[in-house]
PDB file of N, CA and C in Angstrom:
ATOM      1  N   MET A   1     -91.638 -52.146-117.121  1.00  0.00           N
ATOM      2  CA  MET A   1     -90.588 -51.851-118.068  1.00  0.00           C
ATOM      3  C   MET A   1     -89.798 -53.131-118.315  1.00  0.00           C
ATOM      4  N   THR A   2     -89.619 -53.451-119.582  1.00  0.00           N
ATOM      5  CA  THR A   2     -88.882 -54.662-119.923  1.00  0.00           C
ATOM      6  C   THR A   2     -87.619 -54.309-120.707  1.00  0.00           C
ATOM      7  N   LEU A   3     -86.702 -55.255-120.744  1.00  0.00           N
ATOM      8  CA  LEU A   3     -85.489 -55.079-121.523  1.00  0.00           C
ATOM      9  C   LEU A   3     -85.842 -54.884-122.997  1.00  0.00           C
ATOM     10  N   HIS A   4     -86.811 -55.638-123.480  1.00  0.00           N
ATOM     11  CA  HIS A   4     -87.235 -55.536-124.880  1.00  0.00           C
ATOM     12  C   HIS A   4     -87.747 -54.122-125.186  1.00  0.00           C
ATOM     13  N   GLN A   5     -88.529 -53.567-124.293  1.00  0.00           N
ATOM     14  CA  GLN A   5     -89.018 -52.200-124.488  1.00  0.00           C
ATOM     15  C   GLN A   5     -87.864 -51.198-124.532  1.00  0.00           C
ATOM     16  N   LEU A   6     -86.871 -51.397-123.671  1.00  0.00           N
ATOM     17  CA  LEU A   6     -85.721 -50.493-123.655  1.00  0.00           C
ATOM     18  C   LEU A   6     -84.904 -50.616-124.936  1.00  0.00           C
ATOM     19  N   GLU A   7     -84.789 -51.822-125.462  1.00  0.00           N
ATOM     20  CA  GLU A   7     -84.079 -52.021-126.728  1.00  0.00           C
ATOM     21  C   GLU A   7     -84.823 -51.340-127.874  1.00  0.00           C
ATOM     22  N   ILE A   8     -86.143 -51.431-127.875  1.00  0.00           N
ATOM     23  CA  ILE A   8     -86.947 -50.745-128.881  1.00  0.00           C
ATOM     24  C   ILE A   8     -86.805 -49.233-128.723  1.00  0.00           C
ATOM     25  N   PHE A   9     -86.863 -48.757-127.495  1.00  0.00           N
ATOM     26  CA  PHE A   9     -86.672 -47.339-127.210  1.00  0.00           C
ATOM     27  C   PHE A   9     -85.342 -46.860-127.791  1.00  0.00           C
ATOM     28  N   GLN A  10     -84.278 -47.607-127.552  1.00  0.00           N
ATOM     29  CA  GLN A  10     -82.961 -47.217-128.043  1.00  0.00           C
ATOM     30  C   GLN A  10     -82.895 -47.226-129.571  1.00  0.00           C
ATOM     31  N   ALA A  11     -83.589 -48.157-130.198  1.00  0.00           N
ATOM     32  CA  ALA A  11     -83.616 -48.183-131.661  1.00  0.00           C
ATOM     33  C   ALA A  11     -84.305 -46.932-132.210  1.00  0.00           C
ATOM     34  N   VAL A  12     -85.366 -46.498-131.549  1.00  0.00           N
ATOM     35  CA  VAL A  12     -86.051 -45.268-131.977  1.00  0.00           C
ATOM     36  C   VAL A  12     -85.132 -44.070-131.753  1.00  0.00           C
ATOM     37  N   VAL A  13     -84.449 -44.036-130.632  1.00  0.00           N
ATOM     38  CA  VAL A  13     -83.516 -42.934-130.346  1.00  0.00           C
ATOM     39  C   VAL A  13     -82.462 -42.863-131.443  1.00  0.00           C
ATOM     40  N   LYS A  14     -81.879 -44.002-131.770  1.00  0.00           N
ATOM     41  CA  LYS A  14     -80.787 -44.051-132.748  1.00  0.00           C
ATOM     42  C   LYS A  14     -81.259 -43.659-134.148  1.00  0.00           C
ATOM     43  N   SER A  15     -82.409 -44.160-134.545  1.00  0.00           N
ATOM     44  CA  SER A  15     -82.886 -43.920-135.910  1.00  0.00           C
ATOM     45  C   SER A  15     -83.722 -42.649-136.039  1.00  0.00           C
ATOM     46  N   LYS A  16     -84.170 -42.104-134.895  1.00  0.00           N
ATOM     47  CA  LYS A  16     -85.036 -40.909-134.864  1.00  0.00           C
ATOM     48  C   LYS A  16     -86.334 -41.124-135.638  1.00  0.00           C
ATOM     49  N   SER A  17     -86.769 -42.389-135.689  1.00  0.00           N
ATOM     50  CA  SER A  17     -87.980 -42.717-136.438  1.00  0.00           C
ATOM     51  C   SER A  17     -88.545 -44.048-135.956  1.00  0.00           C
ATOM     52  N   PHE A  18     -89.851 -44.091-135.749  1.00  0.00           N
ATOM     53  CA  PHE A  18     -90.502 -45.337-135.368  1.00  0.00           C
ATOM     54  C   PHE A  18     -90.440 -46.329-136.526  1.00  0.00           C
ATOM     55  N   THR A  19     -90.644 -45.852-137.738  1.00  0.00           N
ATOM     56  CA  THR A  19     -90.636 -46.723-138.916  1.00  0.00           C
ATOM     57  C   THR A  19     -89.257 -47.310-139.159  1.00  0.00           C
ATOM     58  N   LYS A  20     -88.227 -46.479-139.084  1.00  0.00           N
ATOM     59  CA  LYS A  20     -86.858 -46.972-139.293  1.00  0.00           C
ATOM     60  C   LYS A  20     -86.443 -47.929-138.181  1.00  0.00           C
ATOM     61  N   ALA A  21     -86.840 -47.644-136.963  1.00  0.00           N
ATOM     62  CA  ALA A  21     -86.537 -48.557-135.845  1.00  0.00           C
ATOM     63  C   ALA A  21     -87.195 -49.906-136.087  1.00  0.00           C
ATOM     64  N   ALA A  22     -88.430 -49.898-136.551  1.00  0.00           N
ATOM     65  CA  ALA A  22     -89.137 -51.149-136.841  1.00  0.00           C
ATOM     66  C   ALA A  22     -88.404 -51.948-137.910  1.00  0.00           C
ATOM     67  N   GLN A  23     -87.910 -51.274-138.933  1.00  0.00           N
ATOM     68  CA  GLN A  23     -87.183 -51.953-140.000  1.00  0.00           C
ATOM     69  C   GLN A  23     -85.894 -52.585-139.475  1.00  0.00           C
ATOM     70  N   VAL A  24     -85.159 -51.835-138.666  1.00  0.00           N
ATOM     71  CA  VAL A  24     -83.905 -52.337-138.093  1.00  0.00           C
ATOM     72  C   VAL A  24     -84.164 -53.552-137.200  1.00  0.00           C
ATOM     73  N   LEU A  25     -85.252 -53.495-136.437  1.00  0.00           N
ATOM     74  CA  LEU A  25     -85.574 -54.565-135.492  1.00  0.00           C
ATOM     75  C   LEU A  25     -86.359 -55.716-136.125  1.00  0.00           C
ATOM     76  N   HIS A  26     -86.749 -55.538-137.382  1.00  0.00           N
ATOM     77  CA  HIS A  26     -87.534 -56.558-138.103  1.00  0.00           C
ATOM     78  C   HIS A  26     -88.861 -56.848-137.407  1.00  0.00           C
ATOM     79  N   ILE A  27     -89.509 -55.779-136.993  1.00  0.00           N
ATOM     80  CA  ILE A  27     -90.849 -55.877-136.416  1.00  0.00           C
ATOM     81  C   ILE A  27     -91.711 -54.799-137.067  1.00  0.00           C
ATOM     82  N   GLY A  28     -92.994 -54.865-136.845  1.00  0.00           N
ATOM     83  CA  GLY A  28     -93.887 -53.882-137.423  1.00  0.00           C
ATOM     84  C   GLY A  28     -93.834 -52.557-136.692  1.00  0.00           C
ATOM     85  N   GLN A  29     -94.092 -51.470-137.432  1.00  0.00           N
ATOM     86  CA  GLN A  29     -94.107 -50.140-136.822  1.00  0.00           C
ATOM     87  C   GLN A  29     -95.176 -50.029-135.742  1.00  0.00           C
ATOM     88  N   PRO A  30     -96.370 -50.656-135.917  1.00  0.00           N
ATOM     89  CA  PRO A  30     -97.353 -50.586-134.827  1.00  0.00           C
ATOM     90  C   PRO A  30     -96.840 -51.231-133.529  1.00  0.00           C
ATOM     91  N   THR A  31     -96.008 -52.253-133.650  1.00  0.00           N
ATOM     92  CA  THR A  31     -95.433 -52.898-132.462  1.00  0.00           C
ATOM     93  C   THR A  31     -94.490 -51.936-131.743  1.00  0.00           C
ATOM     94  N   VAL A  32     -93.684 -51.212-132.516  1.00  0.00           N
ATOM     95  CA  VAL A  32     -92.794 -50.209-131.928  1.00  0.00           C
ATOM     96  C   VAL A  32     -93.630 -49.167-131.186  1.00  0.00           C
ATOM     97  N   SER A  33     -94.662 -48.666-131.848  1.00  0.00           N
ATOM     98  CA  SER A  33     -95.535 -47.659-131.227  1.00  0.00           C
ATOM     99  C   SER A  33     -96.180 -48.183-129.949  1.00  0.00           C
ATOM    100  N   GLU A  34     -96.605 -49.433-129.987  1.00  0.00           N
ATOM    101  CA  GLU A  34     -97.246 -50.034-128.809  1.00  0.00           C
ATOM    102  C   GLU A  34     -96.283 -50.113-127.629  1.00  0.00           C
ATOM    103  N   HIS A  35     -95.062 -50.564-127.884  1.00  0.00           N
ATOM    104  CA  HIS A  35     -94.078 -50.690-126.796  1.00  0.00           C
ATOM    105  C   HIS A  35     -93.687 -49.326-126.234  1.00  0.00           C
ATOM    106  N   ILE A  36     -93.497 -48.351-127.104  1.00  0.00           N
ATOM    107  CA  ILE A  36     -93.161 -47.005-126.632  1.00  0.00           C
ATOM    108  C   ILE A  36     -94.341 -46.419-125.855  1.00  0.00           C
ATOM    109  N   GLY A  37     -95.552 -46.647-126.349  1.00  0.00           N
ATOM    110  CA  GLY A  37     -96.744 -46.185-125.632  1.00  0.00           C
ATOM    111  C   GLY A  37     -96.860 -46.814-124.255  1.00  0.00           C
ATOM    112  N   ASP A  38     -96.557 -48.117-124.170  1.00  0.00           N
ATOM    113  CA  ASP A  38     -96.582 -48.799-122.869  1.00  0.00           C
ATOM    114  C   ASP A  38     -95.563 -48.183-121.907  1.00  0.00           C
ATOM    115  N   LEU A  39     -94.362 -47.903-122.410  1.00  0.00           N
ATOM    116  CA  LEU A  39     -93.337 -47.264-121.576  1.00  0.00           C
ATOM    117  C   LEU A  39     -93.811 -45.887-121.107  1.00  0.00           C
ATOM    118  N   GLU A  40     -94.378 -45.118-122.010  1.00  0.00           N
ATOM    119  CA  GLU A  40     -94.839 -43.785-121.654  1.00  0.00           C
ATOM    120  C   GLU A  40     -95.949 -43.832-120.602  1.00  0.00           C
ATOM    121  N   ARG A  41     -96.853 -44.779-120.750  1.00  0.00           N
ATOM    122  CA  ARG A  41     -97.930 -44.908-119.743  1.00  0.00           C
ATOM    123  C   ARG A  41     -97.366 -45.328-118.390  1.00  0.00           C
ATOM    124  N   GLU A  42     -96.434 -46.268-118.404  1.00  0.00           N
ATOM    125  CA  GLU A  42     -95.839 -46.725-117.144  1.00  0.00           C
ATOM    126  C   GLU A  42     -95.078 -45.604-116.450  1.00  0.00           C
ATOM    127  N   LEU A  43     -94.341 -44.826-117.223  1.00  0.00           N
ATOM    128  CA  LEU A  43     -93.527 -43.760-116.651  1.00  0.00           C
ATOM    129  C   LEU A  43     -94.315 -42.473-116.425  1.00  0.00           C
ATOM    130  N   GLY A  44     -95.483 -42.376-117.035  1.00  0.00           N
ATOM    131  CA  GLY A  44     -96.293 -41.180-116.894  1.00  0.00           C
ATOM    132  C   GLY A  44     -95.677 -39.970-117.574  1.00  0.00           C
ATOM    133  N   ALA A  45     -94.909 -40.216-118.638  1.00  0.00           N
ATOM    134  CA  ALA A  45     -94.238 -39.122-119.337  1.00  0.00           C
ATOM    135  C   ALA A  45     -94.100 -39.457-120.816  1.00  0.00           C
ATOM    136  N   LYS A  46     -94.216 -38.456-121.626  1.00  0.00           N
ATOM    137  CA  LYS A  46     -94.021 -38.597-123.072  1.00  0.00           C
ATOM    138  C   LYS A  46     -92.516 -38.685-123.339  1.00  0.00           C
ATOM    139  N   LEU A  47     -92.092 -39.690-124.112  1.00  0.00           N
ATOM    140  CA  LEU A  47     -90.676 -39.902-124.372  1.00  0.00           C
ATOM    141  C   LEU A  47     -90.223 -39.290-125.693  1.00  0.00           C
ATOM    142  N   PHE A  48     -91.152 -39.146-126.634  1.00  0.00           N
ATOM    143  CA  PHE A  48     -90.826 -38.597-127.950  1.00  0.00           C
ATOM    144  C   PHE A  48     -91.885 -37.603-128.390  1.00  0.00           C
ATOM    145  N   ASP A  49     -91.442 -36.575-129.070  1.00  0.00           N
ATOM    146  CA  ASP A  49     -92.335 -35.730-129.842  1.00  0.00           C
ATOM    147  C   ASP A  49     -92.332 -36.341-131.234  1.00  0.00           C
ATOM    148  N   ARG A  50     -93.523 -36.690-131.724  1.00  0.00           N
ATOM    149  CA  ARG A  50     -93.621 -37.406-132.985  1.00  0.00           C
ATOM    150  C   ARG A  50     -94.220 -36.522-134.067  1.00  0.00           C
ATOM    151  N   ASN A  51     -93.741 -36.724-135.295  1.00  0.00           N
ATOM    152  CA  ASN A  51     -94.422 -36.223-136.470  1.00  0.00           C
ATOM    153  C   ASN A  51     -94.278 -37.286-137.551  1.00  0.00           C
ATOM    154  N   ARG A  52     -94.793 -37.037-138.717  1.00  0.00           N
ATOM    155  CA  ARG A  52     -94.793 -38.084-139.754  1.00  0.00           C
ATOM    156  C   ARG A  52     -93.387 -38.516-140.153  1.00  0.00           C
ATOM    157  N   LEU A  53     -92.414 -37.640-140.028  1.00  0.00           N
ATOM    158  CA  LEU A  53     -91.080 -37.931-140.534  1.00  0.00           C
ATOM    159  C   LEU A  53     -90.058 -38.286-139.463  1.00  0.00           C
ATOM    160  N   SER A  54     -90.305 -37.907-138.218  1.00  0.00           N
ATOM    161  CA  SER A  54     -89.269 -38.163-137.211  1.00  0.00           C
ATOM    162  C   SER A  54     -89.847 -38.246-135.802  1.00  0.00           C
ATOM    163  N   ALA A  55     -89.004 -38.726-134.921  1.00  0.00           N
ATOM    164  CA  ALA A  55     -89.320 -38.791-133.491  1.00  0.00           C
ATOM    165  C   ALA A  55     -88.158 -38.129-132.761  1.00  0.00           C
ATOM    166  N   THR A  56     -88.461 -37.082-132.008  1.00  0.00           N
ATOM    167  CA  THR A  56     -87.444 -36.345-131.267  1.00  0.00           C
ATOM    168  C   THR A  56     -87.661 -36.593-129.780  1.00  0.00           C
ATOM    169  N   MET A  57     -86.585 -36.904-129.080  1.00  0.00           N
ATOM    170  CA  MET A  57     -86.706 -37.178-127.651  1.00  0.00           C
ATOM    171  C   MET A  57     -87.145 -35.941-126.868  1.00  0.00           C
ATOM    172  N   THR A  58     -87.979 -36.189-125.895  1.00  0.00           N
ATOM    173  CA  THR A  58     -88.338 -35.160-124.927  1.00  0.00           C
ATOM    174  C   THR A  58     -87.299 -35.186-123.812  1.00  0.00           C
ATOM    175  N   GLU A  59     -87.448 -34.306-122.853  1.00  0.00           N
ATOM    176  CA  GLU A  59     -86.533 -34.328-121.701  1.00  0.00           C
ATOM    177  C   GLU A  59     -86.626 -35.665-120.967  1.00  0.00           C
ATOM    178  N   ALA A  60     -87.839 -36.192-120.815  1.00  0.00           N
ATOM    179  CA  ALA A  60     -88.005 -37.503-120.164  1.00  0.00           C
ATOM    180  C   ALA A  60     -87.304 -38.586-120.981  1.00  0.00           C
ATOM    181  N   GLY A  61     -87.373 -38.495-122.293  1.00  0.00           N
ATOM    182  CA  GLY A  61     -86.682 -39.459-123.157  1.00  0.00           C
ATOM    183  C   GLY A  61     -85.181 -39.394-122.984  1.00  0.00           C
ATOM    184  N   ARG A  62     -84.651 -38.183-122.875  1.00  0.00           N
ATOM    185  CA  ARG A  62     -83.204 -38.036-122.668  1.00  0.00           C
ATOM    186  C   ARG A  62     -82.766 -38.628-121.327  1.00  0.00           C
ATOM    187  N   LEU A  63     -83.600 -38.440-120.311  1.00  0.00           N
ATOM    188  CA  LEU A  63     -83.270 -39.041-119.007  1.00  0.00           C
ATOM    189  C   LEU A  63     -83.312 -40.563-119.079  1.00  0.00           C
ATOM    190  N   LEU A  64     -84.328 -41.108-119.735  1.00  0.00           N
ATOM    191  CA  LEU A  64     -84.440 -42.561-119.849  1.00  0.00           C
ATOM    192  C   LEU A  64     -83.307 -43.138-120.679  1.00  0.00           C
ATOM    193  N   GLN A  65     -82.850 -42.395-121.683  1.00  0.00           N
ATOM    194  CA  GLN A  65     -81.787 -42.910-122.553  1.00  0.00           C
ATOM    195  C   GLN A  65     -80.544 -43.294-121.759  1.00  0.00           C
ATOM    196  N   ASP A  66     -80.155 -42.490-120.805  1.00  0.00           N
ATOM    197  CA  ASP A  66     -78.972 -42.786-119.993  1.00  0.00           C
ATOM    198  C   ASP A  66     -79.153 -44.103-119.235  1.00  0.00           C
ATOM    199  N   TYR A  67     -80.306 -44.279-118.613  1.00  0.00           N
ATOM    200  CA  TYR A  67     -80.567 -45.520-117.880  1.00  0.00           C
ATOM    201  C   TYR A  67     -80.661 -46.708-118.824  1.00  0.00           C
ATOM    202  N   ALA A  68     -81.332 -46.527-119.951  1.00  0.00           N
ATOM    203  CA  ALA A  68     -81.490 -47.617-120.916  1.00  0.00           C
ATOM    204  C   ALA A  68     -80.130 -48.087-121.427  1.00  0.00           C
ATOM    205  N   THR A  69     -79.246 -47.144-121.681  1.00  0.00           N
ATOM    206  CA  THR A  69     -77.903 -47.490-122.152  1.00  0.00           C
ATOM    207  C   THR A  69     -77.153 -48.297-121.103  1.00  0.00           C
ATOM    208  N   ARG A  70     -77.208 -47.847-119.865  1.00  0.00           N
ATOM    209  CA  ARG A  70     -76.509 -48.580-118.787  1.00  0.00           C
ATOM    210  C   ARG A  70     -77.092 -49.972-118.595  1.00  0.00           C
ATOM    211  N   ILE A  71     -78.413 -50.071-118.645  1.00  0.00           N
ATOM    212  CA  ILE A  71     -79.067 -51.371-118.439  1.00  0.00           C
ATOM    213  C   ILE A  71     -78.725 -52.327-119.567  1.00  0.00           C
ATOM    214  N   THR A  72     -78.876 -51.902-120.804  1.00  0.00           N
ATOM    215  CA  THR A  72     -78.630 -52.812-121.932  1.00  0.00           C
ATOM    216  C   THR A  72     -77.151 -53.165-122.047  1.00  0.00           C
ATOM    217  N   THR A  73     -76.268 -52.243-121.699  1.00  0.00           N
ATOM    218  CA  THR A  73     -74.834 -52.544-121.704  1.00  0.00           C
ATOM    219  C   THR A  73     -74.500 -53.587-120.644  1.00  0.00           C
ATOM    220  N   THR A  74     -75.083 -53.449-119.465  1.00  0.00           N
ATOM    221  CA  THR A  74     -74.844 -54.421-118.384  1.00  0.00           C
ATOM    222  C   THR A  74     -75.374 -55.800-118.758  1.00  0.00           C
ATOM    223  N   VAL A  75     -76.555 -55.852-119.341  1.00  0.00           N
ATOM    224  CA  VAL A  75     -77.130 -57.135-119.751  1.00  0.00           C
ATOM    225  C   VAL A  75     -76.281 -57.775-120.851  1.00  0.00           C
ATOM    226  N   SER A  76     -75.820 -56.991-121.812  1.00  0.00           N
ATOM    227  CA  SER A  76     -74.961 -57.521-122.880  1.00  0.00           C
ATOM    228  C   SER A  76     -73.669 -58.075-122.302  1.00  0.00           C
ATOM    229  N   SER A  77     -73.102 -57.373-121.344  1.00  0.00           N
ATOM    230  CA  SER A  77     -71.873 -57.832-120.693  1.00  0.00           C
ATOM    231  C   SER A  77     -72.104 -59.149-119.952  1.00  0.00           C
ATOM    232  N   ALA A  78     -73.223 -59.249-119.247  1.00  0.00           N
ATOM    233  CA  ALA A  78     -73.541 -60.489-118.525  1.00  0.00           C
ATOM    234  C   ALA A  78     -73.714 -61.646-119.509  1.00  0.00           C
ATOM    235  N   ARG A  79     -74.414 -61.405-120.609  1.00  0.00           N
ATOM    236  CA  ARG A  79     -74.605 -62.463-121.618  1.00  0.00           C
ATOM    237  C   ARG A  79     -73.275 -62.898-122.211  1.00  0.00           C
ATOM    238  N   ARG A  80     -72.412 -61.935-122.509  1.00  0.00           N
ATOM    239  CA  ARG A  80     -71.100 -62.245-123.078  1.00  0.00           C
ATOM    240  C   ARG A  80     -70.259 -63.069-122.092  1.00  0.00           C
ATOM    241  N   THR A  81     -70.284 -62.688-120.816  1.00  0.00           N
ATOM    242  CA  THR A  81     -69.510 -63.401-119.796  1.00  0.00           C
ATOM    243  C   THR A  81     -69.994 -64.840-119.645  1.00  0.00           C
ATOM    244  N   ILE A  82     -71.307 -65.038-119.618  1.00  0.00           N
ATOM    245  CA  ILE A  82     -71.853 -66.390-119.504  1.00  0.00           C
ATOM    246  C   ILE A  82     -71.539 -67.197-120.756  1.00  0.00           C
ATOM    247  N   ALA A  83     -71.588 -66.571-121.926  1.00  0.00           N
ATOM    248  CA  ALA A  83     -71.236 -67.274-123.168  1.00  0.00           C
ATOM    249  C   ALA A  83     -69.772 -67.711-123.143  1.00  0.00           C
ATOM    250  N   GLU A  84     -68.902 -66.854-122.608  1.00  0.00           N
ATOM    251  CA  GLU A  84     -67.493 -67.218-122.469  1.00  0.00           C
ATOM    252  C   GLU A  84     -67.331 -68.408-121.541  1.00  0.00           C
ATOM    253  N   LEU A  85     -68.072 -68.410-120.452  1.00  0.00           N
ATOM    254  CA  LEU A  85     -68.013 -69.523-119.516  1.00  0.00           C
ATOM    255  C   LEU A  85     -68.486 -70.805-120.190  1.00  0.00           C
ATOM    256  N   ASN A  86     -69.596 -70.713-120.914  1.00  0.00           N
ATOM    257  CA  ASN A  86     -70.120 -71.885-121.603  1.00  0.00           C
ATOM    258  C   ASN A  86     -69.185 -72.371-122.689  1.00  0.00           C
ATOM    259  N   GLY A  87     -68.410 -71.471-123.288  1.00  0.00           N
ATOM    260  CA  GLY A  87     -67.458 -71.840-124.325  1.00  0.00           C
ATOM    261  C   GLY A  87     -66.081 -72.140-123.764  1.00  0.00           C
ATOM    262  N   LEU A  88     -65.963 -72.257-122.452  1.00  0.00           N
ATOM    263  CA  LEU A  88     -64.713 -72.525-121.744  1.00  0.00           C
ATOM    264  C   LEU A  88     -63.628 -71.492-122.045  1.00  0.00           C
ATOM    265  N   GLN A  89     -64.035 -70.258-122.300  1.00  0.00           N
ATOM    266  CA  GLN A  89     -63.071 -69.187-122.496  1.00  0.00           C
ATOM    267  C   GLN A  89     -62.768 -68.489-121.178  1.00  0.00           C
ATOM    268  N   ARG A  90     -63.549 -68.795-120.163  1.00  0.00           N
ATOM    269  CA  ARG A  90     -63.357 -68.164-118.868  1.00  0.00           C
ATOM    270  C   ARG A  90     -63.858 -69.136-117.811  1.00  0.00           C
ATOM    271  N   GLY A  91     -63.290 -69.116-116.644  1.00  0.00           N
ATOM    272  CA  GLY A  91     -63.753 -69.962-115.569  1.00  0.00           C
ATOM    273  C   GLY A  91     -62.609 -70.759-114.974  1.00  0.00           C
ATOM    274  N   SER A  92     -62.951 -71.795-114.258  1.00  0.00           N
ATOM    275  CA  SER A  92     -61.945 -72.620-113.598  1.00  0.00           C
ATOM    276  C   SER A  92     -62.026 -74.036-114.107  1.00  0.00           C
ATOM    277  N   LEU A  93     -60.880 -74.675-114.165  1.00  0.00           N
ATOM    278  CA  LEU A  93     -60.785 -76.076-114.543  1.00  0.00           C
ATOM    279  C   LEU A  93     -59.941 -76.757-113.480  1.00  0.00           C
ATOM    280  N   VAL A  94     -60.503 -77.767-112.850  1.00  0.00           N
ATOM    281  CA  VAL A  94     -59.796 -78.497-111.816  1.00  0.00           C
ATOM    282  C   VAL A  94     -59.526 -79.903-112.336  1.00  0.00           C
ATOM    283  N   LEU A  95     -58.260 -80.316-112.296  1.00  0.00           N
ATOM    284  CA  LEU A  95     -57.871 -81.643-112.744  1.00  0.00           C
ATOM    285  C   LEU A  95     -57.383 -82.457-111.555  1.00  0.00           C
ATOM    286  N   GLY A  96     -57.659 -83.727-111.617  1.00  0.00           N
ATOM    287  CA  GLY A  96     -57.154 -84.627-110.594  1.00  0.00           C
ATOM    288  C   GLY A  96     -56.295 -85.687-111.267  1.00  0.00           C
ATOM    289  N   ALA A  97     -55.226 -86.086-110.618  1.00  0.00           N
ATOM    290  CA  ALA A  97     -54.337 -87.110-111.191  1.00  0.00           C
ATOM    291  C   ALA A  97     -53.573 -87.773-110.060  1.00  0.00           C
ATOM    292  N   SER A  98     -53.031 -88.940-110.374  1.00  0.00           N
ATOM    293  CA  SER A  98     -52.187 -89.606-109.381  1.00  0.00           C
ATOM    294  C   SER A  98     -50.871 -88.840-109.278  1.00  0.00           C
ATOM    295  N   THR A  99     -50.021 -89.244-108.373  1.00  0.00           N
ATOM    296  CA  THR A  99     -48.772 -88.517-108.153  1.00  0.00           C
ATOM    297  C   THR A  99     -47.813 -88.608-109.334  1.00  0.00           C
ATOM    298  N   THR A 100     -47.856 -89.674-110.107  1.00  0.00           N
ATOM    299  CA  THR A 100     -46.929 -89.809-111.242  1.00  0.00           C
ATOM    300  C   THR A 100     -47.178 -88.729-112.302  1.00  0.00           C
ATOM    301  N   PRO A 101     -48.399 -88.582-112.846  1.00  0.00           N
ATOM    302  CA  PRO A 101     -48.603 -87.498-113.813  1.00  0.00           C
ATOM    303  C   PRO A 101     -48.359 -86.120-113.190  1.00  0.00           C
ATOM    304  N   GLY A 102     -48.721 -85.977-111.924  1.00  0.00           N
ATOM    305  CA  GLY A 102     -48.502 -84.704-111.250  1.00  0.00           C
ATOM    306  C   GLY A 102     -47.025 -84.370-111.146  1.00  0.00           C
ATOM    307  N   SER A 103     -46.195 -85.355-110.836  1.00  0.00           N
ATOM    308  CA  SER A 103     -44.750 -85.152-110.739  1.00  0.00           C
ATOM    309  C   SER A 103     -44.159 -84.809-112.101  1.00  0.00           C
ATOM    310  N   LEU A 104     -44.622 -85.506-113.139  1.00  0.00           N
ATOM    311  CA  LEU A 104     -44.121 -85.226-114.484  1.00  0.00           C
ATOM    312  C   LEU A 104     -44.517 -83.834-114.948  1.00  0.00           C
ATOM    313  N   LEU A 105     -45.727 -83.429-114.629  1.00  0.00           N
ATOM    314  CA  LEU A 105     -46.192 -82.099-115.014  1.00  0.00           C
ATOM    315  C   LEU A 105     -45.394 -81.024-114.285  1.00  0.00           C
ATOM    316  N   THR A 106     -45.142 -81.228-113.020  1.00  0.00           N
ATOM    317  CA  THR A 106     -44.353 -80.268-112.252  1.00  0.00           C
ATOM    318  C   THR A 106     -42.946 -80.177-112.817  1.00  0.00           C
ATOM    319  N   LEU A 107     -42.339 -81.315-113.148  1.00  0.00           N
ATOM    320  CA  LEU A 107     -41.001 -81.346-113.734  1.00  0.00           C
ATOM    321  C   LEU A 107     -40.983 -80.630-115.077  1.00  0.00           C
ATOM    322  N   ALA A 108     -41.982 -80.904-115.913  1.00  0.00           N
ATOM    323  CA  ALA A 108     -42.054 -80.285-117.243  1.00  0.00           C
ATOM    324  C   ALA A 108     -42.211 -78.765-117.137  1.00  0.00           C
ATOM    325  N   MET A 109     -42.957 -78.324-116.161  1.00  0.00           N
ATOM    326  CA  MET A 109     -43.189 -76.874-116.013  1.00  0.00           C
ATOM    327  C   MET A 109     -41.945 -76.172-115.469  1.00  0.00           C
ATOM    328  N   SER A 110     -41.166 -76.861-114.644  1.00  0.00           N
ATOM    329  CA  SER A 110     -39.989 -76.231-114.050  1.00  0.00           C
ATOM    330  C   SER A 110     -38.765 -76.339-114.963  1.00  0.00           C
ATOM    331  N   SER A 111     -38.748 -77.341-115.849  1.00  0.00           N
ATOM    332  CA  SER A 111     -37.602 -77.530-116.753  1.00  0.00           C
ATOM    333  C   SER A 111     -38.120 -77.830-118.151  1.00  0.00           C
ATOM    334  N   PRO A 112     -38.487 -76.836-118.922  1.00  0.00           N
ATOM    335  CA  PRO A 112     -39.020 -77.091-120.264  1.00  0.00           C
ATOM    336  C   PRO A 112     -38.025 -77.877-121.107  1.00  0.00           C
ATOM    337  N   GLY A 113     -38.515 -78.821-121.851  1.00  0.00           N
ATOM    338  CA  GLY A 113     -37.693 -79.617-122.743  1.00  0.00           C
ATOM    339  C   GLY A 113     -37.096 -80.853-122.106  1.00  0.00           C
ATOM    340  N   THR A 114     -37.419 -81.132-120.805  1.00  0.00           N
ATOM    341  CA  THR A 114     -36.819 -82.305-120.162  1.00  0.00           C
ATOM    342  C   THR A 114     -37.615 -83.563-120.416  1.00  0.00           C
ATOM    343  N   LEU A 115     -38.875 -83.459-120.859  1.00  0.00           N
ATOM    344  CA  LEU A 115     -39.637 -84.667-121.091  1.00  0.00           C
ATOM    345  C   LEU A 115     -39.613 -85.075-122.528  1.00  0.00           C
TER     346      LEU A 115
END
């Protein structure tokens, strides 16, 4: 099971269609079918009841949806946190200076407007 397969699974869940999921993901419908088929074989369970117009989740699909949502949300959060770190929006910054700049900074912080 891969993250990519879970993302494809979620697109099918959301759109209720393999064709519409493929359009949203900008991939071919056979690719969507292949990834869902791989997931079903790995899990040993059918995830969707399919017909020409729609895909309806089975009980196994509903169970997987909860896990897929938690997994993709956690991965998105991790990516966002690392992007913040790379963009210096989060993390630690350690500065070193001689005593003169340090004294001036301490004075400025304790008495705004004195410098």
